[in-house]
PDB file of N, CA and C in Angstrom:
ATOM      1  N   MET A   1     -20.769  37.188   0.131  1.00  0.00           N
ATOM      2  CA  MET A   1     -19.431  36.704  -0.028  1.00  0.00           C
ATOM      3  C   MET A   1     -19.237  36.309  -1.488  1.00  0.00           C
ATOM      4  N   TYR A   2     -18.101  36.590  -2.024  1.00  0.00           N
ATOM      5  CA  TYR A   2     -17.825  36.283  -3.410  1.00  0.00           C
ATOM      6  C   TYR A   2     -17.413  34.828  -3.585  1.00  0.00           C
ATOM      7  N   LEU A   3     -17.657  34.278  -4.758  1.00  0.00           N
ATOM      8  CA  LEU A   3     -17.356  32.886  -5.039  1.00  0.00           C
ATOM      9  C   LEU A   3     -15.862  32.595  -4.901  1.00  0.00           C
ATOM     10  N   GLY A   4     -15.020  33.494  -5.384  1.00  0.00           N
ATOM     11  CA  GLY A   4     -13.578  33.309  -5.245  1.00  0.00           C
ATOM     12  C   GLY A   4     -13.144  33.231  -3.797  1.00  0.00           C
ATOM     13  N   GLU A   5     -13.766  34.019  -2.937  1.00  0.00           N
ATOM     14  CA  GLU A   5     -13.436  33.996  -1.519  1.00  0.00           C
ATOM     15  C   GLU A   5     -13.876  32.681  -0.886  1.00  0.00           C
ATOM     16  N   LEU A   6     -15.014  32.148  -1.303  1.00  0.00           N
ATOM     17  CA  LEU A   6     -15.451  30.844  -0.796  1.00  0.00           C
ATOM     18  C   LEU A   6     -14.453  29.749  -1.172  1.00  0.00           C
ATOM     19  N   VAL A   7     -13.992  29.789  -2.407  1.00  0.00           N
ATOM     20  CA  VAL A   7     -13.009  28.816  -2.870  1.00  0.00           C
ATOM     21  C   VAL A   7     -11.722  28.976  -2.076  1.00  0.00           C
ATOM     22  N   ARG A   8     -11.273  30.212  -1.857  1.00  0.00           N
ATOM     23  CA  ARG A   8     -10.055  30.465  -1.089  1.00  0.00           C
ATOM     24  C   ARG A   8     -10.177  29.871   0.317  1.00  0.00           C
ATOM     25  N   LEU A   9     -11.320  30.079   0.949  1.00  0.00           N
ATOM     26  CA  LEU A   9     -11.525  29.567   2.294  1.00  0.00           C
ATOM     27  C   LEU A   9     -11.510  28.039   2.330  1.00  0.00           C
ATOM     28  N   ILE A  10     -12.084  27.393   1.315  1.00  0.00           N
ATOM     29  CA  ILE A  10     -12.045  25.937   1.220  1.00  0.00           C
ATOM     30  C   ILE A  10     -10.605  25.458   1.059  1.00  0.00           C
ATOM     31  N   LEU A  11      -9.864  26.102   0.174  1.00  0.00           N
ATOM     32  CA  LEU A  11      -8.471  25.712  -0.046  1.00  0.00           C
ATOM     33  C   LEU A  11      -7.635  25.882   1.222  1.00  0.00           C
ATOM     34  N   VAL A  12      -7.798  27.001   1.899  1.00  0.00           N
ATOM     35  CA  VAL A  12      -7.042  27.238   3.140  1.00  0.00           C
ATOM     36  C   VAL A  12      -7.395  26.184   4.186  1.00  0.00           C
ATOM     37  N   THR A  13      -8.666  25.827   4.276  1.00  0.00           N
ATOM     38  CA  THR A  13      -9.088  24.795   5.212  1.00  0.00           C
ATOM     39  C   THR A  13      -8.414  23.460   4.902  1.00  0.00           C
ATOM     40  N   LEU A  14      -8.317  23.108   3.631  1.00  0.00           N
ATOM     41  CA  LEU A  14      -7.678  21.847   3.240  1.00  0.00           C
ATOM     42  C   LEU A  14      -6.163  21.880   3.425  1.00  0.00           C
ATOM     43  N   VAL A  15      -5.558  23.049   3.228  1.00  0.00           N
ATOM     44  CA  VAL A  15      -4.119  23.200   3.463  1.00  0.00           C
ATOM     45  C   VAL A  15      -3.808  23.104   4.947  1.00  0.00           C
ATOM     46  N   ASP A  16      -4.651  23.706   5.767  1.00  0.00           N
ATOM     47  CA  ASP A  16      -4.414  23.762   7.218  1.00  0.00           C
ATOM     48  C   ASP A  16      -5.039  22.607   7.988  1.00  0.00           C
ATOM     49  N   ALA A  17      -5.550  21.596   7.295  1.00  0.00           N
ATOM     50  CA  ALA A  17      -6.222  20.479   7.963  1.00  0.00           C
ATOM     51  C   ALA A  17      -5.287  19.785   8.954  1.00  0.00           C
ATOM     52  N   ALA A  18      -5.843  19.375  10.055  1.00  0.00           N
ATOM     53  CA  ALA A  18      -5.060  18.669  11.076  1.00  0.00           C
ATOM     54  C   ALA A  18      -5.607  17.260  11.210  1.00  0.00           C
ATOM     55  N   PRO A  19      -4.825  16.293  11.465  1.00  0.00           N
ATOM     56  CA  PRO A  19      -3.411  16.351  11.805  1.00  0.00           C
ATOM     57  C   PRO A  19      -2.487  16.383  10.591  1.00  0.00           C
ATOM     58  N   LYS A  20      -3.049  16.250   9.384  1.00  0.00           N
ATOM     59  CA  LYS A  20      -2.220  16.206   8.181  1.00  0.00           C
ATOM     60  C   LYS A  20      -2.849  17.091   7.115  1.00  0.00           C
ATOM     61  N   PRO A  21      -2.060  17.961   6.461  1.00  0.00           N
ATOM     62  CA  PRO A  21      -2.597  18.789   5.388  1.00  0.00           C
ATOM     63  C   PRO A  21      -3.142  17.922   4.251  1.00  0.00           C
ATOM     64  N   LEU A  22      -4.227  18.388   3.636  1.00  0.00           N
ATOM     65  CA  LEU A  22      -4.847  17.629   2.551  1.00  0.00           C
ATOM     66  C   LEU A  22      -4.514  18.183   1.176  1.00  0.00           C
ATOM     67  N   LEU A  23      -3.943  19.375   1.115  1.00  0.00           N
ATOM     68  CA  LEU A  23      -3.587  19.993  -0.175  1.00  0.00           C
ATOM     69  C   LEU A  23      -2.216  20.661  -0.097  1.00  0.00           C
ATOM     70  N   PHE A  24      -1.551  20.690  -1.235  1.00  0.00           N
ATOM     71  CA  PHE A  24      -0.348  21.483  -1.463  1.00  0.00           C
ATOM     72  C   PHE A  24       0.755  21.232  -0.439  1.00  0.00           C
ATOM     73  N   SER A  25       0.872  20.019   0.056  1.00  0.00           N
ATOM     74  CA  SER A  25       1.895  19.650   1.046  1.00  0.00           C
ATOM     75  C   SER A  25       1.875  20.571   2.265  1.00  0.00           C
ATOM     76  N   GLY A  26       0.734  21.170   2.529  1.00  0.00           N
ATOM     77  CA  GLY A  26       0.614  22.066   3.686  1.00  0.00           C
ATOM     78  C   GLY A  26       1.178  23.455   3.448  1.00  0.00           C
ATOM     79  N   LYS A  27       1.608  23.743   2.212  1.00  0.00           N
ATOM     80  CA  LYS A  27       2.209  25.048   1.914  1.00  0.00           C
ATOM     81  C   LYS A  27       1.138  26.041   1.489  1.00  0.00           C
ATOM     82  N   SER A  28       1.372  27.277   1.831  1.00  0.00           N
ATOM     83  CA  SER A  28       0.453  28.344   1.475  1.00  0.00           C
ATOM     84  C   SER A  28       1.242  29.487   0.833  1.00  0.00           C
ATOM     85  N   THR A  29       0.536  30.494   0.376  1.00  0.00           N
ATOM     86  CA  THR A  29       1.169  31.660  -0.250  1.00  0.00           C
ATOM     87  C   THR A  29       0.465  32.920   0.228  1.00  0.00           C
ATOM     88  N   PRO A  30       1.071  34.082   0.015  1.00  0.00           N
ATOM     89  CA  PRO A  30       0.378  35.333   0.357  1.00  0.00           C
ATOM     90  C   PRO A  30      -0.966  35.458  -0.368  1.00  0.00           C
ATOM     91  N   THR A  31      -1.030  35.017  -1.602  1.00  0.00           N
ATOM     92  CA  THR A  31      -2.289  35.085  -2.353  1.00  0.00           C
ATOM     93  C   THR A  31      -3.358  34.252  -1.664  1.00  0.00           C
ATOM     94  N   LEU A  32      -2.993  33.063  -1.249  1.00  0.00           N
ATOM     95  CA  LEU A  32      -3.944  32.169  -0.613  1.00  0.00           C
ATOM     96  C   LEU A  32      -4.349  32.669   0.779  1.00  0.00           C
ATOM     97  N   ASN A  33      -3.455  33.379   1.429  1.00  0.00           N
ATOM     98  CA  ASN A  33      -3.738  33.867   2.779  1.00  0.00           C
ATOM     99  C   ASN A  33      -4.370  35.256   2.815  1.00  0.00           C
ATOM    100  N   GLN A  34      -4.428  35.927   1.687  1.00  0.00           N
ATOM    101  CA  GLN A  34      -4.986  37.279   1.629  1.00  0.00           C
ATOM    102  C   GLN A  34      -6.501  37.235   1.488  1.00  0.00           C
ATOM    103  N   HIS A  35      -7.185  37.979   2.337  1.00  0.00           N
ATOM    104  CA  HIS A  35      -8.633  38.111   2.248  1.00  0.00           C
ATOM    105  C   HIS A  35      -8.991  38.586   0.845  1.00  0.00           C
ATOM    106  N   TYR A  36      -9.857  37.860   0.141  1.00  0.00           N
ATOM    107  CA  TYR A  36     -10.233  38.119  -1.254  1.00  0.00           C
ATOM    108  C   TYR A  36      -9.041  38.040  -2.206  1.00  0.00           C
ATOM    109  N   GLY A  37      -8.063  37.195  -1.867  1.00  0.00           N
ATOM    110  CA  GLY A  37      -6.876  37.021  -2.708  1.00  0.00           C
ATOM    111  C   GLY A  37      -7.116  36.155  -3.926  1.00  0.00           C
ATOM    112  N   VAL A  38      -8.203  35.403  -3.937  1.00  0.00           N
ATOM    113  CA  VAL A  38      -8.540  34.525  -5.064  1.00  0.00           C
ATOM    114  C   VAL A  38      -9.814  35.035  -5.707  1.00  0.00           C
ATOM    115  N   ASP A  39      -9.773  35.157  -7.023  1.00  0.00           N
ATOM    116  CA  ASP A  39     -10.994  35.553  -7.720  1.00  0.00           C
ATOM    117  C   ASP A  39     -11.441  34.417  -8.641  1.00  0.00           C
ATOM    118  N   THR A  40     -12.501  34.641  -9.356  1.00  0.00           N
ATOM    119  CA  THR A  40     -13.097  33.573 -10.164  1.00  0.00           C
ATOM    120  C   THR A  40     -12.264  33.204 -11.393  1.00  0.00           C
ATOM    121  N   SER A  41     -11.233  33.984 -11.706  1.00  0.00           N
ATOM    122  CA  SER A  41     -10.390  33.615 -12.852  1.00  0.00           C
ATOM    123  C   SER A  41      -9.696  32.278 -12.604  1.00  0.00           C
ATOM    124  N   LEU A  42      -9.381  31.981 -11.362  1.00  0.00           N
ATOM    125  CA  LEU A  42      -8.783  30.682 -11.035  1.00  0.00           C
ATOM    126  C   LEU A  42      -9.762  29.551 -11.358  1.00  0.00           C
ATOM    127  N   MET A  43     -11.002  29.723 -10.986  1.00  0.00           N
ATOM    128  CA  MET A  43     -12.016  28.701 -11.255  1.00  0.00           C
ATOM    129  C   MET A  43     -12.264  28.565 -12.752  1.00  0.00           C
ATOM    130  N   SER A  44     -12.311  29.670 -13.463  1.00  0.00           N
ATOM    131  CA  SER A  44     -12.536  29.625 -14.916  1.00  0.00           C
ATOM    132  C   SER A  44     -11.395  28.898 -15.618  1.00  0.00           C
ATOM    133  N   ALA A  45     -10.161  29.220 -15.224  1.00  0.00           N
ATOM    134  CA  ALA A  45      -9.005  28.584 -15.847  1.00  0.00           C
ATOM    135  C   ALA A  45      -8.947  27.083 -15.523  1.00  0.00           C
ATOM    136  N   THR A  46      -9.324  26.731 -14.304  1.00  0.00           N
ATOM    137  CA  THR A  46      -9.356  25.332 -13.900  1.00  0.00           C
ATOM    138  C   THR A  46     -10.423  24.573 -14.697  1.00  0.00           C
ATOM    139  N   GLU A  47     -11.578  25.168 -14.827  1.00  0.00           N
ATOM    140  CA  GLU A  47     -12.667  24.535 -15.578  1.00  0.00           C
ATOM    141  C   GLU A  47     -12.282  24.359 -17.047  1.00  0.00           C
ATOM    142  N   GLU A  48     -11.648  25.370 -17.626  1.00  0.00           N
ATOM    143  CA  GLU A  48     -11.212  25.286 -19.021  1.00  0.00           C
ATOM    144  C   GLU A  48     -10.171  24.171 -19.194  1.00  0.00           C
ATOM    145  N   ALA A  49      -9.251  24.061 -18.252  1.00  0.00           N
ATOM    146  CA  ALA A  49      -8.233  23.009 -18.321  1.00  0.00           C
ATOM    147  C   ALA A  49      -8.867  21.622 -18.197  1.00  0.00           C
ATOM    148  N   TRP A  50      -9.906  21.487 -17.365  1.00  0.00           N
ATOM    149  CA  TRP A  50     -10.554  20.193 -17.162  1.00  0.00           C
ATOM    150  C   TRP A  50     -11.464  19.836 -18.335  1.00  0.00           C
ATOM    151  N   ILE A  51     -12.275  20.762 -18.773  1.00  0.00           N
ATOM    152  CA  ILE A  51     -13.207  20.478 -19.869  1.00  0.00           C
ATOM    153  C   ILE A  51     -12.468  20.471 -21.207  1.00  0.00           C
ATOM    154  N   GLY A  52     -11.769  21.572 -21.509  1.00  0.00           N
ATOM    155  CA  GLY A  52     -10.978  21.649 -22.730  1.00  0.00           C
ATOM    156  C   GLY A  52     -11.750  21.277 -23.981  1.00  0.00           C
ATOM    157  N   ASN A  53     -11.037  20.755 -24.960  1.00  0.00           N
ATOM    158  CA  ASN A  53     -11.645  20.370 -26.229  1.00  0.00           C
ATOM    159  C   ASN A  53     -12.003  18.898 -26.295  1.00  0.00           C
ATOM    160  N   ASP A  54     -11.427  18.106 -25.421  1.00  0.00           N
ATOM    161  CA  ASP A  54     -11.647  16.665 -25.450  1.00  0.00           C
ATOM    162  C   ASP A  54     -12.884  16.317 -24.627  1.00  0.00           C
ATOM    163  N   LYS A  55     -13.950  15.950 -25.301  1.00  0.00           N
ATOM    164  CA  LYS A  55     -15.208  15.635 -24.627  1.00  0.00           C
ATOM    165  C   LYS A  55     -15.442  14.129 -24.518  1.00  0.00           C
ATOM    166  N   SER A  56     -14.419  13.313 -24.865  1.00  0.00           N
ATOM    167  CA  SER A  56     -14.600  11.873 -24.800  1.00  0.00           C
ATOM    168  C   SER A  56     -14.758  11.424 -23.346  1.00  0.00           C
ATOM    169  N   GLU A  57     -15.508  10.359 -23.164  1.00  0.00           N
ATOM    170  CA  GLU A  57     -15.866   9.894 -21.820  1.00  0.00           C
ATOM    171  C   GLU A  57     -14.646   9.529 -20.976  1.00  0.00           C
ATOM    172  N   ASP A  58     -13.616   8.927 -21.609  1.00  0.00           N
ATOM    173  CA  ASP A  58     -12.448   8.493 -20.852  1.00  0.00           C
ATOM    174  C   ASP A  58     -11.544   9.649 -20.414  1.00  0.00           C
ATOM    175  N   ALA A  59     -11.854  10.848 -20.845  1.00  0.00           N
ATOM    176  CA  ALA A  59     -11.047  12.011 -20.466  1.00  0.00           C
ATOM    177  C   ALA A  59     -11.480  12.607 -19.129  1.00  0.00           C
ATOM    178  N   PHE A  60     -12.478  12.044 -18.505  1.00  0.00           N
ATOM    179  CA  PHE A  60     -13.022  12.618 -17.270  1.00  0.00           C
ATOM    180  C   PHE A  60     -13.103  11.623 -16.110  1.00  0.00           C
ATOM    181  N   VAL A  61     -12.459  10.481 -16.222  1.00  0.00           N
ATOM    182  CA  VAL A  61     -12.570   9.445 -15.202  1.00  0.00           C
ATOM    183  C   VAL A  61     -11.454   9.602 -14.184  1.00  0.00           C
ATOM    184  N   LEU A  62     -11.843   9.906 -12.941  1.00  0.00           N
ATOM    185  CA  LEU A  62     -10.890  10.011 -11.847  1.00  0.00           C
ATOM    186  C   LEU A  62     -11.079   8.827 -10.903  1.00  0.00           C
ATOM    187  N   PRO A  63      -9.981   8.302 -10.346  1.00  0.00           N
ATOM    188  CA  PRO A  63     -10.137   7.251  -9.339  1.00  0.00           C
ATOM    189  C   PRO A  63     -10.662   7.867  -8.047  1.00  0.00           C
ATOM    190  N   PRO A  64     -11.093   7.055  -7.111  1.00  0.00           N
ATOM    191  CA  PRO A  64     -11.522   7.599  -5.815  1.00  0.00           C
ATOM    192  C   PRO A  64     -10.388   8.394  -5.189  1.00  0.00           C
ATOM    193  N   LEU A  65     -10.688   9.558  -4.678  1.00  0.00           N
ATOM    194  CA  LEU A  65      -9.651  10.436  -4.141  1.00  0.00           C
ATOM    195  C   LEU A  65      -9.279  10.118  -2.697  1.00  0.00           C
ATOM    196  N   GLY A  66     -10.044   9.245  -2.047  1.00  0.00           N
ATOM    197  CA  GLY A  66      -9.770   8.931  -0.658  1.00  0.00           C
ATOM    198  C   GLY A  66      -8.635   7.948  -0.452  1.00  0.00           C
ATOM    199  N   GLY A  67      -8.335   7.162  -1.461  1.00  0.00           N
ATOM    200  CA  GLY A  67      -7.295   6.146  -1.317  1.00  0.00           C
ATOM    201  C   GLY A  67      -5.975   6.595  -1.922  1.00  0.00           C
ATOM    202  N   GLU A  68      -5.164   5.611  -2.251  1.00  0.00           N
ATOM    203  CA  GLU A  68      -3.880   5.899  -2.871  1.00  0.00           C
ATOM    204  C   GLU A  68      -4.131   6.385  -4.304  1.00  0.00           C
ATOM    205  N   PHE A  69      -3.409   7.388  -4.694  1.00  0.00           N
ATOM    206  CA  PHE A  69      -3.629   8.029  -5.996  1.00  0.00           C
ATOM    207  C   PHE A  69      -2.350   7.859  -6.812  1.00  0.00           C
ATOM    208  N   LYS A  70      -2.403   7.017  -7.846  1.00  0.00           N
ATOM    209  CA  LYS A  70      -1.215   6.741  -8.645  1.00  0.00           C
ATOM    210  C   LYS A  70      -1.420   7.246 -10.076  1.00  0.00           C
ATOM    211  N   LYS A  71      -0.388   7.885 -10.594  1.00  0.00           N
ATOM    212  CA  LYS A  71      -0.434   8.416 -11.953  1.00  0.00           C
ATOM    213  C   LYS A  71      -0.695   7.300 -12.953  1.00  0.00           C
ATOM    214  N   GLU A  72      -0.117   6.127 -12.724  1.00  0.00           N
ATOM    215  CA  GLU A  72      -0.276   5.013 -13.663  1.00  0.00           C
ATOM    216  C   GLU A  72      -1.695   4.440 -13.692  1.00  0.00           C
ATOM    217  N   ASP A  73      -2.509   4.774 -12.705  1.00  0.00           N
ATOM    218  CA  ASP A  73      -3.904   4.335 -12.690  1.00  0.00           C
ATOM    219  C   ASP A  73      -4.809   5.283 -13.483  1.00  0.00           C
ATOM    220  N   LEU A  74      -4.258   6.394 -13.926  1.00  0.00           N
ATOM    221  CA  LEU A  74      -5.040   7.381 -14.670  1.00  0.00           C
ATOM    222  C   LEU A  74      -4.880   7.171 -16.159  1.00  0.00           C
ATOM    223  N   GLY A  75      -5.903   7.520 -16.901  1.00  0.00           N
ATOM    224  CA  GLY A  75      -5.791   7.486 -18.348  1.00  0.00           C
ATOM    225  C   GLY A  75      -4.893   8.620 -18.826  1.00  0.00           C
ATOM    226  N   PRO A  76      -4.258   8.457 -19.997  1.00  0.00           N
ATOM    227  CA  PRO A  76      -3.347   9.491 -20.485  1.00  0.00           C
ATOM    228  C   PRO A  76      -4.038  10.852 -20.703  1.00  0.00           C
ATOM    229  N   LYS A  77      -5.302  10.822 -21.095  1.00  0.00           N
ATOM    230  CA  LYS A  77      -6.030  12.091 -21.298  1.00  0.00           C
ATOM    231  C   LYS A  77      -6.271  12.800 -19.966  1.00  0.00           C
ATOM    232  N   VAL A  78      -6.546  12.024 -18.941  1.00  0.00           N
ATOM    233  CA  VAL A  78      -6.781  12.600 -17.609  1.00  0.00           C
ATOM    234  C   VAL A  78      -5.484  13.193 -17.075  1.00  0.00           C
ATOM    235  N   VAL A  79      -4.365  12.529 -17.286  1.00  0.00           N
ATOM    236  CA  VAL A  79      -3.072  13.033 -16.819  1.00  0.00           C
ATOM    237  C   VAL A  79      -2.774  14.387 -17.471  1.00  0.00           C
ATOM    238  N   ILE A  80      -3.031  14.496 -18.756  1.00  0.00           N
ATOM    239  CA  ILE A  80      -2.801  15.765 -19.455  1.00  0.00           C
ATOM    240  C   ILE A  80      -3.666  16.872 -18.856  1.00  0.00           C
ATOM    241  N   LYS A  81      -4.916  16.571 -18.607  1.00  0.00           N
ATOM    242  CA  LYS A  81      -5.824  17.574 -18.020  1.00  0.00           C
ATOM    243  C   LYS A  81      -5.376  17.959 -16.613  1.00  0.00           C
ATOM    244  N   LEU A  82      -4.977  16.991 -15.813  1.00  0.00           N
ATOM    245  CA  LEU A  82      -4.537  17.296 -14.460  1.00  0.00           C
ATOM    246  C   LEU A  82      -3.236  18.081 -14.445  1.00  0.00           C
ATOM    247  N   GLU A  83      -2.351  17.827 -15.385  1.00  0.00           N
ATOM    248  CA  GLU A  83      -1.115  18.615 -15.496  1.00  0.00           C
ATOM    249  C   GLU A  83      -1.446  20.072 -15.837  1.00  0.00           C
ATOM    250  N   LYS A  84      -2.429  20.276 -16.695  1.00  0.00           N
ATOM    251  CA  LYS A  84      -2.854  21.644 -17.024  1.00  0.00           C
ATOM    252  C   LYS A  84      -3.432  22.333 -15.787  1.00  0.00           C
ATOM    253  N   ILE A  85      -4.255  21.627 -15.034  1.00  0.00           N
ATOM    254  CA  ILE A  85      -4.840  22.195 -13.817  1.00  0.00           C
ATOM    255  C   ILE A  85      -3.747  22.498 -12.805  1.00  0.00           C
ATOM    256  N   ARG A  86      -2.788  21.616 -12.687  1.00  0.00           N
ATOM    257  CA  ARG A  86      -1.651  21.824 -11.795  1.00  0.00           C
ATOM    258  C   ARG A  86      -0.926  23.124 -12.156  1.00  0.00           C
ATOM    259  N   SER A  87      -0.705  23.339 -13.427  1.00  0.00           N
ATOM    260  CA  SER A  87      -0.044  24.567 -13.887  1.00  0.00           C
ATOM    261  C   SER A  87      -0.877  25.810 -13.562  1.00  0.00           C
ATOM    262  N   VAL A  88      -2.187  25.711 -13.731  1.00  0.00           N
ATOM    263  CA  VAL A  88      -3.089  26.823 -13.415  1.00  0.00           C
ATOM    264  C   VAL A  88      -2.990  27.175 -11.933  1.00  0.00           C
ATOM    265  N   ILE A  89      -2.999  26.156 -11.086  1.00  0.00           N
ATOM    266  CA  ILE A  89      -2.926  26.372  -9.641  1.00  0.00           C
ATOM    267  C   ILE A  89      -1.607  27.040  -9.267  1.00  0.00           C
ATOM    268  N   ILE A  90      -0.521  26.533  -9.809  1.00  0.00           N
ATOM    269  CA  ILE A  90       0.805  27.086  -9.527  1.00  0.00           C
ATOM    270  C   ILE A  90       0.873  28.541  -9.968  1.00  0.00           C
ATOM    271  N   GLN A  91       0.367  28.824 -11.151  1.00  0.00           N
ATOM    272  CA  GLN A  91       0.409  30.190 -11.693  1.00  0.00           C
ATOM    273  C   GLN A  91      -0.461  31.145 -10.879  1.00  0.00           C
ATOM    274  N   HIS A  92      -1.690  30.766 -10.597  1.00  0.00           N
ATOM    275  CA  HIS A  92      -2.614  31.668  -9.919  1.00  0.00           C
ATOM    276  C   HIS A  92      -2.308  31.867  -8.432  1.00  0.00           C
ATOM    277  N   LEU A  93      -1.848  30.813  -7.778  1.00  0.00           N
ATOM    278  CA  LEU A  93      -1.637  30.895  -6.339  1.00  0.00           C
ATOM    279  C   LEU A  93      -0.173  31.149  -5.958  1.00  0.00           C
ATOM    280  N   GLY A  94       0.734  31.017  -6.935  1.00  0.00           N
ATOM    281  CA  GLY A  94       2.146  31.264  -6.664  1.00  0.00           C
ATOM    282  C   GLY A  94       2.787  30.202  -5.785  1.00  0.00           C
ATOM    283  N   LEU A  95       2.286  28.992  -5.866  1.00  0.00           N
ATOM    284  CA  LEU A  95       2.841  27.888  -5.081  1.00  0.00           C
ATOM    285  C   LEU A  95       4.098  27.337  -5.740  1.00  0.00           C
ATOM    286  N   PRO A  96       5.026  26.793  -4.940  1.00  0.00           N
ATOM    287  CA  PRO A  96       6.193  26.131  -5.532  1.00  0.00           C
ATOM    288  C   PRO A  96       5.747  24.920  -6.353  1.00  0.00           C
ATOM    289  N   ASP A  97       6.448  24.676  -7.432  1.00  0.00           N
ATOM    290  CA  ASP A  97       6.108  23.595  -8.356  1.00  0.00           C
ATOM    291  C   ASP A  97       6.008  22.238  -7.657  1.00  0.00           C
ATOM    292  N   ASP A  98       6.891  21.980  -6.724  1.00  0.00           N
ATOM    293  CA  ASP A  98       6.927  20.667  -6.081  1.00  0.00           C
ATOM    294  C   ASP A  98       5.876  20.483  -4.988  1.00  0.00           C
ATOM    295  N   SER A  99       5.116  21.520  -4.697  1.00  0.00           N
ATOM    296  CA  SER A  99       4.101  21.393  -3.636  1.00  0.00           C
ATOM    297  C   SER A  99       2.700  21.103  -4.165  1.00  0.00           C
ATOM    298  N   VAL A 100       2.538  21.064  -5.492  1.00  0.00           N
ATOM    299  CA  VAL A 100       1.228  20.772  -6.079  1.00  0.00           C
ATOM    300  C   VAL A 100       1.311  19.444  -6.836  1.00  0.00           C
ATOM    301  N   SER A 101       0.634  18.455  -6.313  1.00  0.00           N
ATOM    302  CA  SER A 101       0.656  17.122  -6.921  1.00  0.00           C
ATOM    303  C   SER A 101      -0.512  16.945  -7.889  1.00  0.00           C
ATOM    304  N   LEU A 102      -0.474  15.847  -8.611  1.00  0.00           N
ATOM    305  CA  LEU A 102      -1.609  15.530  -9.486  1.00  0.00           C
ATOM    306  C   LEU A 102      -2.859  15.249  -8.658  1.00  0.00           C
ATOM    307  N   LYS A 103      -2.675  14.677  -7.467  1.00  0.00           N
ATOM    308  CA  LYS A 103      -3.832  14.449  -6.602  1.00  0.00           C
ATOM    309  C   LYS A 103      -4.434  15.778  -6.173  1.00  0.00           C
ATOM    310  N   ASP A 104      -3.590  16.774  -5.864  1.00  0.00           N
ATOM    311  CA  ASP A 104      -4.092  18.116  -5.524  1.00  0.00           C
ATOM    312  C   ASP A 104      -4.922  18.672  -6.692  1.00  0.00           C
ATOM    313  N   ALA A 105      -4.407  18.499  -7.898  1.00  0.00           N
ATOM    314  CA  ALA A 105      -5.126  18.971  -9.085  1.00  0.00           C
ATOM    315  C   ALA A 105      -6.453  18.227  -9.237  1.00  0.00           C
ATOM    316  N   ALA A 106      -6.442  16.920  -8.950  1.00  0.00           N
ATOM    317  CA  ALA A 106      -7.671  16.141  -9.050  1.00  0.00           C
ATOM    318  C   ALA A 106      -8.694  16.578  -8.011  1.00  0.00           C
ATOM    319  N   VAL A 107      -8.245  16.878  -6.806  1.00  0.00           N
ATOM    320  CA  VAL A 107      -9.158  17.368  -5.776  1.00  0.00           C
ATOM    321  C   VAL A 107      -9.813  18.658  -6.238  1.00  0.00           C
ATOM    322  N   CYS A 108      -9.017  19.539  -6.824  1.00  0.00           N
ATOM    323  CA  CYS A 108      -9.552  20.823  -7.303  1.00  0.00           C
ATOM    324  C   CYS A 108     -10.442  20.653  -8.542  1.00  0.00           C
ATOM    325  N   ALA A 109     -10.218  19.602  -9.307  1.00  0.00           N
ATOM    326  CA  ALA A 109     -11.014  19.368 -10.522  1.00  0.00           C
ATOM    327  C   ALA A 109     -12.268  18.566 -10.255  1.00  0.00           C
ATOM    328  N   ASP A 110     -12.287  17.859  -9.144  1.00  0.00           N
ATOM    329  CA  ASP A 110     -13.411  16.971  -8.835  1.00  0.00           C
ATOM    330  C   ASP A 110     -14.712  17.765  -8.827  1.00  0.00           C
ATOM    331  N   TYR A 111     -15.707  17.256  -9.488  1.00  0.00           N
ATOM    332  CA  TYR A 111     -16.984  17.972  -9.630  1.00  0.00           C
ATOM    333  C   TYR A 111     -17.686  18.220  -8.310  1.00  0.00           C
ATOM    334  N   ARG A 112     -17.329  17.494  -7.261  1.00  0.00           N
ATOM    335  CA  ARG A 112     -17.983  17.681  -5.967  1.00  0.00           C
ATOM    336  C   ARG A 112     -17.454  18.893  -5.212  1.00  0.00           C
ATOM    337  N   ILE A 113     -16.346  19.484  -5.695  1.00  0.00           N
ATOM    338  CA  ILE A 113     -15.765  20.671  -5.058  1.00  0.00           C
ATOM    339  C   ILE A 113     -15.996  21.854  -5.988  1.00  0.00           C
ATOM    340  N   PRO A 114     -16.505  22.976  -5.486  1.00  0.00           N
ATOM    341  CA  PRO A 114     -16.849  24.117  -6.362  1.00  0.00           C
ATOM    342  C   PRO A 114     -15.638  24.875  -6.843  1.00  0.00           C
ATOM    343  N   PHE A 115     -14.757  24.178  -7.576  1.00  0.00           N
ATOM    344  CA  PHE A 115     -13.512  24.788  -8.017  1.00  0.00           C
ATOM    345  C   PHE A 115     -13.035  24.044  -9.222  1.00  0.00           C
TER     346      PHE A 115
END
C-alpha cells in the first residue's frame, strides 16, 4: 500500500468518525473518496509548510488537540504555519475554504500523525 493511500484512509476515517466528524466539518471530496486519490505531494507540501524556514522553538508549539482549540492560544508563528497548511489541504483535496479549520490543520501537522 502506498503512503498517500494510508494517509487518505486515515483522513477519511477522521472525516467519517461517529458520532461526530473529527476533521473538515465532516465534508469530503471526490479526491478524498477516490482510491489512491491522495499522493505523497500532499504530505511533502504539508511538511514544508510546517517546517519552513523558521526553526525557532516557539514556531512548533501546539496546544493539546483534545480540548478546546483557540487561535488566541497559539503563537503568531504557529498561526502562520497552520494557515499555510490549511491552504495546502484546501488546494490538494479540493475542500471548501470554510470546512478546514486551524484545528484541522494542526491535526494534520501534529507529529503523531503521519501527515
